[in-house]
């Protein structure tokens, strides 16, 4: 059955930021059918129209809230209904909140865990059988430099990204023999809507931001090279090494300093 389906690249969180930058670059370099997934239909429609005109490729948009339980299953059903099979899965959708854990609304904590971990895991599980059968396929999971140490004020976000990192590394080792390329991408602060939604204004980390395009170039190169983990950005690359040398308490303190908001005057 899968042989009659058209192979496609699926990008979640494609309406802005890193997801949008990935869509733009892949439309130029790979020309494969793109499936753009996000909640905001108007942004997806505008991006799809622009890329279709510029590059003459097939683009499908799917408005799906992956924060909701069952969202991953609904997305996979929608992809199959369009006659598509996933050749490349990019799990980019995610969010964080800059606040002490006890001050965060429980529903936002649950939504963060559902989106950052559960949906990513379910989508990865759903696409692997077809990839194994073809002995071809790629999965890119967007983690974060926050994955390498505990992060006060981003306790759940950092923990969720540590899960993404460990999960992806293990998956890459399991599936290498099947010809699959699986990468965890660990950006630092990136100039996207993430920081506005997280309440990250006035933090030191927000002053040292890479562009989404910079992250995207490194991410795609690492995925194509079969690199299981890549830290993007020149300032970020040494961080995992230095964090390993630090006492854990010091690394946690340092992470908290980076995301502490400036006091209002």
C-alpha atoms as a PDB file:
ATOM      1  CA  UNK A   1       0.000   0.000   0.000  1.00  0.00           C
ATOM      2  CA  UNK A   2       2.735   2.468   0.975  1.00  0.00           C
ATOM      3  CA  UNK A   3       4.402   2.095  -2.443  1.00  0.00           C
ATOM      4  CA  UNK A   4       1.459   3.905  -4.072  1.00  0.00           C
ATOM      5  CA  UNK A   5       1.772   6.872  -1.752  1.00  0.00           C
ATOM      6  CA  UNK A   6       3.786  10.003  -2.506  1.00  0.00           C
ATOM      7  CA  UNK A   7       6.738  10.589  -0.200  1.00  0.00           C
ATOM      8  CA  UNK A   8       6.572  13.819   1.781  1.00  0.00           C
ATOM      9  CA  UNK A   9       8.392  15.932   4.328  1.00  0.00           C
ATOM     10  CA  UNK A  10       6.249  16.847   7.333  1.00  0.00           C
ATOM     11  CA  UNK A  11       7.125  19.899   9.433  1.00  0.00           C
ATOM     12  CA  UNK A  12       5.224  20.627  12.640  1.00  0.00           C
ATOM     13  CA  UNK A  13       5.158  24.154  13.997  1.00  0.00           C
ATOM     14  CA  UNK A  14       5.682  25.368  10.425  1.00  0.00           C
ATOM     15  CA  UNK A  15       3.869  28.706  10.634  1.00  0.00           C
ATOM     16  CA  UNK A  16       6.825  30.720  11.976  1.00  0.00           C
ATOM     17  CA  UNK A  17      10.355  30.634  13.358  1.00  0.00           C
ATOM     18  CA  UNK A  18      12.534  27.571  12.829  1.00  0.00           C
ATOM     19  CA  UNK A  19       9.688  25.588  11.262  1.00  0.00           C
ATOM     20  CA  UNK A  20       9.062  28.255   8.641  1.00  0.00           C
ATOM     21  CA  UNK A  21      12.798  28.591   7.945  1.00  0.00           C
ATOM     22  CA  UNK A  22      13.058  24.815   7.467  1.00  0.00           C
ATOM     23  CA  UNK A  23      10.149  24.867   5.028  1.00  0.00           C
ATOM     24  CA  UNK A  24      11.750  27.659   3.023  1.00  0.00           C
ATOM     25  CA  UNK A  25      15.127  25.935   2.797  1.00  0.00           C
ATOM     26  CA  UNK A  26      13.770  22.485   2.003  1.00  0.00           C
ATOM     27  CA  UNK A  27      11.505  23.915  -0.697  1.00  0.00           C
ATOM     28  CA  UNK A  28      14.640  25.198  -2.414  1.00  0.00           C
ATOM     29  CA  UNK A  29      17.032  22.296  -1.895  1.00  0.00           C
ATOM     30  CA  UNK A  30      14.894  19.151  -1.934  1.00  0.00           C
ATOM     31  CA  UNK A  31      11.733  19.879  -3.942  1.00  0.00           C
ATOM     32  CA  UNK A  32       9.852  17.121  -2.103  1.00  0.00           C
ATOM     33  CA  UNK A  33       6.169  17.457  -1.264  1.00  0.00           C
ATOM     34  CA  UNK A  34       5.885  19.478   1.933  1.00  0.00           C
ATOM     35  CA  UNK A  35       3.238  19.052   4.611  1.00  0.00           C
ATOM     36  CA  UNK A  36       3.105  22.155   6.790  1.00  0.00           C
ATOM     37  CA  UNK A  37       1.432  21.658  10.160  1.00  0.00           C
ATOM     38  CA  UNK A  38       0.401  24.280  12.715  1.00  0.00           C
ATOM     39  CA  UNK A  39      -2.666  25.775  14.347  1.00  0.00           C
ATOM     40  CA  UNK A  40      -2.718  29.093  12.442  1.00  0.00           C
ATOM     41  CA  UNK A  41      -4.338  28.476   9.071  1.00  0.00           C
ATOM     42  CA  UNK A  42      -3.816  31.988   7.670  1.00  0.00           C
ATOM     43  CA  UNK A  43      -0.044  31.810   8.202  1.00  0.00           C
ATOM     44  CA  UNK A  44       0.174  28.339   6.664  1.00  0.00           C
ATOM     45  CA  UNK A  45      -1.880  29.409   3.641  1.00  0.00           C
ATOM     46  CA  UNK A  46       0.317  32.445   3.016  1.00  0.00           C
ATOM     47  CA  UNK A  47       3.534  30.436   3.308  1.00  0.00           C
ATOM     48  CA  UNK A  48       2.219  27.600   1.127  1.00  0.00           C
ATOM     49  CA  UNK A  49       1.096  30.012  -1.602  1.00  0.00           C
ATOM     50  CA  UNK A  50       4.475  31.775  -1.602  1.00  0.00           C
ATOM     51  CA  UNK A  51       6.531  28.579  -1.750  1.00  0.00           C
ATOM     52  CA  UNK A  52       4.325  26.941  -4.380  1.00  0.00           C
ATOM     53  CA  UNK A  53       4.677  29.927  -6.695  1.00  0.00           C
ATOM     54  CA  UNK A  54       8.410  30.262  -6.141  1.00  0.00           C
ATOM     55  CA  UNK A  55       9.410  26.597  -6.383  1.00  0.00           C
ATOM     56  CA  UNK A  56       6.581  24.734  -8.173  1.00  0.00           C
ATOM     57  CA  UNK A  57       6.290  22.037  -5.541  1.00  0.00           C
ATOM     58  CA  UNK A  58       3.283  20.372  -3.954  1.00  0.00           C
ATOM     59  CA  UNK A  59       2.475  21.763  -0.525  1.00  0.00           C
ATOM     60  CA  UNK A  60      -0.264  20.531   1.765  1.00  0.00           C
ATOM     61  CA  UNK A  61      -1.309  22.389   4.900  1.00  0.00           C
ATOM     62  CA  UNK A  62      -2.892  20.695   7.899  1.00  0.00           C
ATOM     63  CA  UNK A  63      -4.273  22.741  10.778  1.00  0.00           C
ATOM     64  CA  UNK A  64      -3.796  20.517  13.790  1.00  0.00           C
ATOM     65  CA  UNK A  65      -3.337  21.329  17.473  1.00  0.00           C
ATOM     66  CA  UNK A  66      -0.784  18.748  18.641  1.00  0.00           C
ATOM     67  CA  UNK A  67      -1.148  20.008  22.178  1.00  0.00           C
ATOM     68  CA  UNK A  68      -4.421  18.094  22.359  1.00  0.00           C
ATOM     69  CA  UNK A  69      -4.381  14.363  23.195  1.00  0.00           C
ATOM     70  CA  UNK A  70      -4.956  12.402  19.994  1.00  0.00           C
ATOM     71  CA  UNK A  71      -3.532  15.193  17.845  1.00  0.00           C
ATOM     72  CA  UNK A  72      -0.701  13.065  16.491  1.00  0.00           C
ATOM     73  CA  UNK A  73      -3.085  10.305  15.405  1.00  0.00           C
ATOM     74  CA  UNK A  74      -5.376  12.833  13.712  1.00  0.00           C
ATOM     75  CA  UNK A  75      -2.407  14.309  11.869  1.00  0.00           C
ATOM     76  CA  UNK A  76      -1.231  10.930  10.597  1.00  0.00           C
ATOM     77  CA  UNK A  77      -4.750  10.119   9.383  1.00  0.00           C
ATOM     78  CA  UNK A  78      -4.891  13.435   7.516  1.00  0.00           C
ATOM     79  CA  UNK A  79      -1.522  12.771   5.880  1.00  0.00           C
ATOM     80  CA  UNK A  80      -2.566   9.307   4.684  1.00  0.00           C
ATOM     81  CA  UNK A  81      -5.898  10.668   3.410  1.00  0.00           C
ATOM     82  CA  UNK A  82      -3.926  12.969   1.117  1.00  0.00           C
ATOM     83  CA  UNK A  83      -2.142   9.992  -0.444  1.00  0.00           C
ATOM     84  CA  UNK A  84       1.143  10.737   1.300  1.00  0.00           C
ATOM     85  CA  UNK A  85       3.725   8.735   3.229  1.00  0.00           C
ATOM     86  CA  UNK A  86       6.238  10.406   5.547  1.00  0.00           C
ATOM     87  CA  UNK A  87       9.800  10.291   4.236  1.00  0.00           C
ATOM     88  CA  UNK A  88      11.081  13.047   6.540  1.00  0.00           C
ATOM     89  CA  UNK A  89       9.472  13.997   9.856  1.00  0.00           C
ATOM     90  CA  UNK A  90      10.515  17.248  11.510  1.00  0.00           C
ATOM     91  CA  UNK A  91       9.152  17.535  15.039  1.00  0.00           C
ATOM     92  CA  UNK A  92       9.578  21.259  15.569  1.00  0.00           C
ATOM     93  CA  UNK A  93       6.386  22.278  17.391  1.00  0.00           C
ATOM     94  CA  UNK A  94       6.928  23.131  21.045  1.00  0.00           C
ATOM     95  CA  UNK A  95       6.769  25.902  23.620  1.00  0.00           C
ATOM     96  CA  UNK A  96       8.134  26.956  26.997  1.00  0.00           C
ATOM     97  CA  UNK A  97       7.110  29.230  29.850  1.00  0.00           C
ATOM     98  CA  UNK A  98       9.541  31.377  31.846  1.00  0.00           C
ATOM     99  CA  UNK A  99       8.155  31.197  35.390  1.00  0.00           C
ATOM    100  CA  UNK A 100       8.707  29.296  38.633  1.00  0.00           C
ATOM    101  CA  UNK A 101       7.063  25.891  38.314  1.00  0.00           C
ATOM    102  CA  UNK A 102       4.582  26.498  41.165  1.00  0.00           C
ATOM    103  CA  UNK A 103       3.345  29.674  39.450  1.00  0.00           C
ATOM    104  CA  UNK A 104       2.566  28.036  36.099  1.00  0.00           C
ATOM    105  CA  UNK A 105      -1.051  27.083  35.307  1.00  0.00           C
ATOM    106  CA  UNK A 106      -1.389  23.314  35.390  1.00  0.00           C
ATOM    107  CA  UNK A 107      -3.136  23.199  32.011  1.00  0.00           C
ATOM    108  CA  UNK A 108      -0.168  24.946  30.366  1.00  0.00           C
ATOM    109  CA  UNK A 109       2.246  22.486  31.999  1.00  0.00           C
ATOM    110  CA  UNK A 110       0.182  19.572  30.704  1.00  0.00           C
ATOM    111  CA  UNK A 111      -0.028  21.124  27.238  1.00  0.00           C
ATOM    112  CA  UNK A 112       3.727  21.656  27.169  1.00  0.00           C
ATOM    113  CA  UNK A 113       4.406  18.048  28.068  1.00  0.00           C
ATOM    114  CA  UNK A 114       1.855  16.815  25.528  1.00  0.00           C
ATOM    115  CA  UNK A 115       3.311  18.905  22.702  1.00  0.00           C
ATOM    116  CA  UNK A 116       7.033  18.754  23.478  1.00  0.00           C
ATOM    117  CA  UNK A 117       7.190  15.052  24.355  1.00  0.00           C
ATOM    118  CA  UNK A 118       4.051  12.981  23.814  1.00  0.00           C
ATOM    119  CA  UNK A 119       3.069  14.170  20.331  1.00  0.00           C
ATOM    120  CA  UNK A 120       6.705  14.007  19.188  1.00  0.00           C
ATOM    121  CA  UNK A 121       6.992  10.435  20.449  1.00  0.00           C
ATOM    122  CA  UNK A 122       3.695   9.336  18.918  1.00  0.00           C
ATOM    123  CA  UNK A 123       4.541  10.826  15.524  1.00  0.00           C
ATOM    124  CA  UNK A 124       7.981   9.218  15.539  1.00  0.00           C
ATOM    125  CA  UNK A 125       6.427   5.845  16.356  1.00  0.00           C
ATOM    126  CA  UNK A 126       3.827   6.236  13.615  1.00  0.00           C
ATOM    127  CA  UNK A 127       6.298   6.934  10.791  1.00  0.00           C
ATOM    128  CA  UNK A 128       8.966   4.362  11.629  1.00  0.00           C
ATOM    129  CA  UNK A 129       7.288   1.237  10.146  1.00  0.00           C
ATOM    130  CA  UNK A 130       7.093   2.806   6.677  1.00  0.00           C
ATOM    131  CA  UNK A 131      10.647   4.110   6.905  1.00  0.00           C
ATOM    132  CA  UNK A 132      11.940   0.707   7.962  1.00  0.00           C
ATOM    133  CA  UNK A 133      10.095  -0.978   5.111  1.00  0.00           C
ATOM    134  CA  UNK A 134      11.701   1.394   2.592  1.00  0.00           C
ATOM    135  CA  UNK A 135      15.013   1.417   4.488  1.00  0.00           C
ATOM    136  CA  UNK A 136      14.897   5.151   3.943  1.00  0.00           C
ATOM    137  CA  UNK A 137      13.750   8.019   6.093  1.00  0.00           C
ATOM    138  CA  UNK A 138      14.759  10.897   8.312  1.00  0.00           C
ATOM    139  CA  UNK A 139      13.520  12.248  11.644  1.00  0.00           C
ATOM    140  CA  UNK A 140      14.621  15.615  13.006  1.00  0.00           C
ATOM    141  CA  UNK A 141      13.584  16.405  16.568  1.00  0.00           C
ATOM    142  CA  UNK A 142      14.111  19.956  17.792  1.00  0.00           C
ATOM    143  CA  UNK A 143      15.564  19.864  21.299  1.00  0.00           C
ATOM    144  CA  UNK A 144      17.457  22.751  22.949  1.00  0.00           C
ATOM    145  CA  UNK A 145      20.681  23.616  24.749  1.00  0.00           C
ATOM    146  CA  UNK A 146      18.374  23.671  27.797  1.00  0.00           C
ATOM    147  CA  UNK A 147      18.436  19.862  27.530  1.00  0.00           C
ATOM    148  CA  UNK A 148      21.959  19.618  28.950  1.00  0.00           C
ATOM    149  CA  UNK A 149      21.253  20.848  32.498  1.00  0.00           C
ATOM    150  CA  UNK A 150      18.386  21.641  34.846  1.00  0.00           C
ATOM    151  CA  UNK A 151      16.944  25.067  34.109  1.00  0.00           C
ATOM    152  CA  UNK A 152      15.202  27.067  36.865  1.00  0.00           C
ATOM    153  CA  UNK A 153      12.175  29.039  35.606  1.00  0.00           C
ATOM    154  CA  UNK A 154      12.084  26.626  32.649  1.00  0.00           C
ATOM    155  CA  UNK A 155      11.874  23.468  34.762  1.00  0.00           C
ATOM    156  CA  UNK A 156       9.309  21.635  32.619  1.00  0.00           C
ATOM    157  CA  UNK A 157      10.564  22.958  29.288  1.00  0.00           C
ATOM    158  CA  UNK A 158      14.185  22.015  30.035  1.00  0.00           C
ATOM    159  CA  UNK A 159      13.142  18.575  31.267  1.00  0.00           C
ATOM    160  CA  UNK A 160      10.995  18.019  28.180  1.00  0.00           C
ATOM    161  CA  UNK A 161      13.901  18.931  25.910  1.00  0.00           C
ATOM    162  CA  UNK A 162      16.219  16.602  27.842  1.00  0.00           C
ATOM    163  CA  UNK A 163      13.684  13.862  27.076  1.00  0.00           C
ATOM    164  CA  UNK A 164      13.761  14.796  23.376  1.00  0.00           C
ATOM    165  CA  UNK A 165      17.561  14.667  23.342  1.00  0.00           C
ATOM    166  CA  UNK A 166      17.864  11.294  25.104  1.00  0.00           C
ATOM    167  CA  UNK A 167      14.988   9.757  23.154  1.00  0.00           C
ATOM    168  CA  UNK A 168      16.426  10.881  19.828  1.00  0.00           C
ATOM    169  CA  UNK A 169      19.949   9.665  20.560  1.00  0.00           C
ATOM    170  CA  UNK A 170      18.607   6.237  21.500  1.00  0.00           C
ATOM    171  CA  UNK A 171      16.362   6.110  18.436  1.00  0.00           C
ATOM    172  CA  UNK A 172      19.248   7.077  16.154  1.00  0.00           C
ATOM    173  CA  UNK A 173      21.342   4.205  17.537  1.00  0.00           C
ATOM    174  CA  UNK A 174      18.484   1.707  17.135  1.00  0.00           C
ATOM    175  CA  UNK A 175      17.598   2.659  13.572  1.00  0.00           C
ATOM    176  CA  UNK A 176      21.021   3.276  12.039  1.00  0.00           C
ATOM    177  CA  UNK A 177      21.178  -0.353  10.879  1.00  0.00           C
ATOM    178  CA  UNK A 178      17.895   0.229   9.012  1.00  0.00           C
ATOM    179  CA  UNK A 179      19.376   3.073   6.974  1.00  0.00           C
ATOM    180  CA  UNK A 180      17.474   5.811   8.812  1.00  0.00           C
ATOM    181  CA  UNK A 181      18.947   9.184   9.756  1.00  0.00           C
ATOM    182  CA  UNK A 182      17.693  10.633  13.034  1.00  0.00           C
ATOM    183  CA  UNK A 183      18.966  13.836  14.622  1.00  0.00           C
ATOM    184  CA  UNK A 184      18.345  15.920  17.731  1.00  0.00           C
ATOM    185  CA  UNK A 185      18.906  19.612  17.026  1.00  0.00           C
ATOM    186  CA  UNK A 186      19.837  21.716  20.058  1.00  0.00           C
ATOM    187  CA  UNK A 187      19.570  25.445  19.339  1.00  0.00           C
ATOM    188  CA  UNK A 188      20.251  28.145  21.877  1.00  0.00           C
ATOM    189  CA  UNK A 189      18.152  31.293  22.008  1.00  0.00           C
ATOM    190  CA  UNK A 190      16.747  31.903  18.520  1.00  0.00           C
ATOM    191  CA  UNK A 191      14.980  35.012  17.187  1.00  0.00           C
ATOM    192  CA  UNK A 192      11.456  33.554  16.997  1.00  0.00           C
ATOM    193  CA  UNK A 193       8.047  34.042  18.611  1.00  0.00           C
ATOM    194  CA  UNK A 194       9.091  31.500  21.249  1.00  0.00           C
ATOM    195  CA  UNK A 195      10.558  34.202  23.495  1.00  0.00           C
ATOM    196  CA  UNK A 196       7.488  36.417  23.339  1.00  0.00           C
ATOM    197  CA  UNK A 197       5.182  33.503  24.170  1.00  0.00           C
ATOM    198  CA  UNK A 198       7.512  32.272  26.916  1.00  0.00           C
ATOM    199  CA  UNK A 199       7.745  35.672  28.583  1.00  0.00           C
ATOM    200  CA  UNK A 200      11.490  35.742  27.981  1.00  0.00           C
ATOM    201  CA  UNK A 201      11.787  39.497  27.562  1.00  0.00           C
ATOM    202  CA  UNK A 202      14.659  41.142  29.411  1.00  0.00           C
ATOM    203  CA  UNK A 203      16.709  37.968  29.906  1.00  0.00           C
ATOM    204  CA  UNK A 204      20.400  37.636  29.173  1.00  0.00           C
ATOM    205  CA  UNK A 205      19.720  34.615  26.928  1.00  0.00           C
ATOM    206  CA  UNK A 206      17.384  36.682  24.738  1.00  0.00           C
ATOM    207  CA  UNK A 207      20.247  39.082  23.974  1.00  0.00           C
ATOM    208  CA  UNK A 208      22.367  36.328  22.386  1.00  0.00           C
ATOM    209  CA  UNK A 209      20.054  35.041  19.698  1.00  0.00           C
ATOM    210  CA  UNK A 210      20.803  33.215  16.462  1.00  0.00           C
ATOM    211  CA  UNK A 211      18.584  33.584  13.418  1.00  0.00           C
ATOM    212  CA  UNK A 212      16.214  30.738  12.446  1.00  0.00           C
ATOM    213  CA  UNK A 213      18.084  30.494   9.139  1.00  0.00           C
ATOM    214  CA  UNK A 214      21.389  29.843  10.947  1.00  0.00           C
ATOM    215  CA  UNK A 215      19.793  27.074  13.005  1.00  0.00           C
ATOM    216  CA  UNK A 216      18.149  25.585   9.913  1.00  0.00           C
ATOM    217  CA  UNK A 217      21.340  25.343   7.882  1.00  0.00           C
ATOM    218  CA  UNK A 218      23.152  23.486  10.665  1.00  0.00           C
ATOM    219  CA  UNK A 219      20.139  21.264  11.361  1.00  0.00           C
ATOM    220  CA  UNK A 220      19.674  20.069   7.779  1.00  0.00           C
ATOM    221  CA  UNK A 221      23.398  19.492   7.285  1.00  0.00           C
ATOM    222  CA  UNK A 222      23.558  17.386  10.466  1.00  0.00           C
ATOM    223  CA  UNK A 223      20.478  15.369   9.507  1.00  0.00           C
ATOM    224  CA  UNK A 224      21.811  14.600   6.043  1.00  0.00           C
ATOM    225  CA  UNK A 225      25.169  13.601   7.528  1.00  0.00           C
ATOM    226  CA  UNK A 226      23.505  11.168   9.944  1.00  0.00           C
ATOM    227  CA  UNK A 227      24.677  13.148  12.973  1.00  0.00           C
ATOM    228  CA  UNK A 228      22.594  12.131  15.977  1.00  0.00           C
ATOM    229  CA  UNK A 229      23.096  15.402  17.922  1.00  0.00           C
ATOM    230  CA  UNK A 230      23.970  18.893  16.762  1.00  0.00           C
ATOM    231  CA  UNK A 231      24.290  22.048  18.866  1.00  0.00           C
ATOM    232  CA  UNK A 232      23.734  25.061  16.621  1.00  0.00           C
ATOM    233  CA  UNK A 233      25.419  28.453  16.894  1.00  0.00           C
ATOM    234  CA  UNK A 234      29.099  29.185  17.565  1.00  0.00           C
ATOM    235  CA  UNK A 235      28.447  30.510  21.076  1.00  0.00           C
ATOM    236  CA  UNK A 236      26.373  27.449  21.984  1.00  0.00           C
ATOM    237  CA  UNK A 237      28.634  24.672  20.730  1.00  0.00           C
ATOM    238  CA  UNK A 238      31.035  24.697  23.729  1.00  0.00           C
ATOM    239  CA  UNK A 239      28.208  24.730  26.297  1.00  0.00           C
ATOM    240  CA  UNK A 240      27.673  20.948  26.640  1.00  0.00           C
ATOM    241  CA  UNK A 241      31.424  20.447  27.176  1.00  0.00           C
ATOM    242  CA  UNK A 242      31.698  23.136  29.849  1.00  0.00           C
ATOM    243  CA  UNK A 243      28.503  21.966  31.548  1.00  0.00           C
ATOM    244  CA  UNK A 244      29.962  18.460  31.892  1.00  0.00           C
ATOM    245  CA  UNK A 245      32.952  19.963  33.708  1.00  0.00           C
ATOM    246  CA  UNK A 246      30.841  22.042  36.108  1.00  0.00           C
ATOM    247  CA  UNK A 247      29.348  20.794  39.363  1.00  0.00           C
ATOM    248  CA  UNK A 248      25.654  20.205  38.650  1.00  0.00           C
ATOM    249  CA  UNK A 249      24.573  22.814  41.177  1.00  0.00           C
ATOM    250  CA  UNK A 250      26.732  25.441  39.461  1.00  0.00           C
ATOM    251  CA  UNK A 251      25.395  24.496  36.010  1.00  0.00           C
ATOM    252  CA  UNK A 252      21.822  24.818  37.299  1.00  0.00           C
ATOM    253  CA  UNK A 253      22.573  28.211  38.861  1.00  0.00           C
ATOM    254  CA  UNK A 254      24.163  29.436  35.620  1.00  0.00           C
ATOM    255  CA  UNK A 255      21.150  28.312  33.569  1.00  0.00           C
ATOM    256  CA  UNK A 256      18.860  30.188  35.924  1.00  0.00           C
ATOM    257  CA  UNK A 257      20.911  33.377  35.544  1.00  0.00           C
ATOM    258  CA  UNK A 258      20.568  33.227  31.755  1.00  0.00           C
ATOM    259  CA  UNK A 259      16.759  33.218  31.905  1.00  0.00           C
ATOM    260  CA  UNK A 260      16.198  35.537  34.886  1.00  0.00           C
ATOM    261  CA  UNK A 261      14.108  38.511  33.785  1.00  0.00           C
ATOM    262  CA  UNK A 262      15.353  42.004  34.513  1.00  0.00           C
ATOM    263  CA  UNK A 263      13.533  43.754  37.337  1.00  0.00           C
ATOM    264  CA  UNK A 264      11.241  46.554  36.241  1.00  0.00           C
ATOM    265  CA  UNK A 265      12.587  50.011  37.114  1.00  0.00           C
END
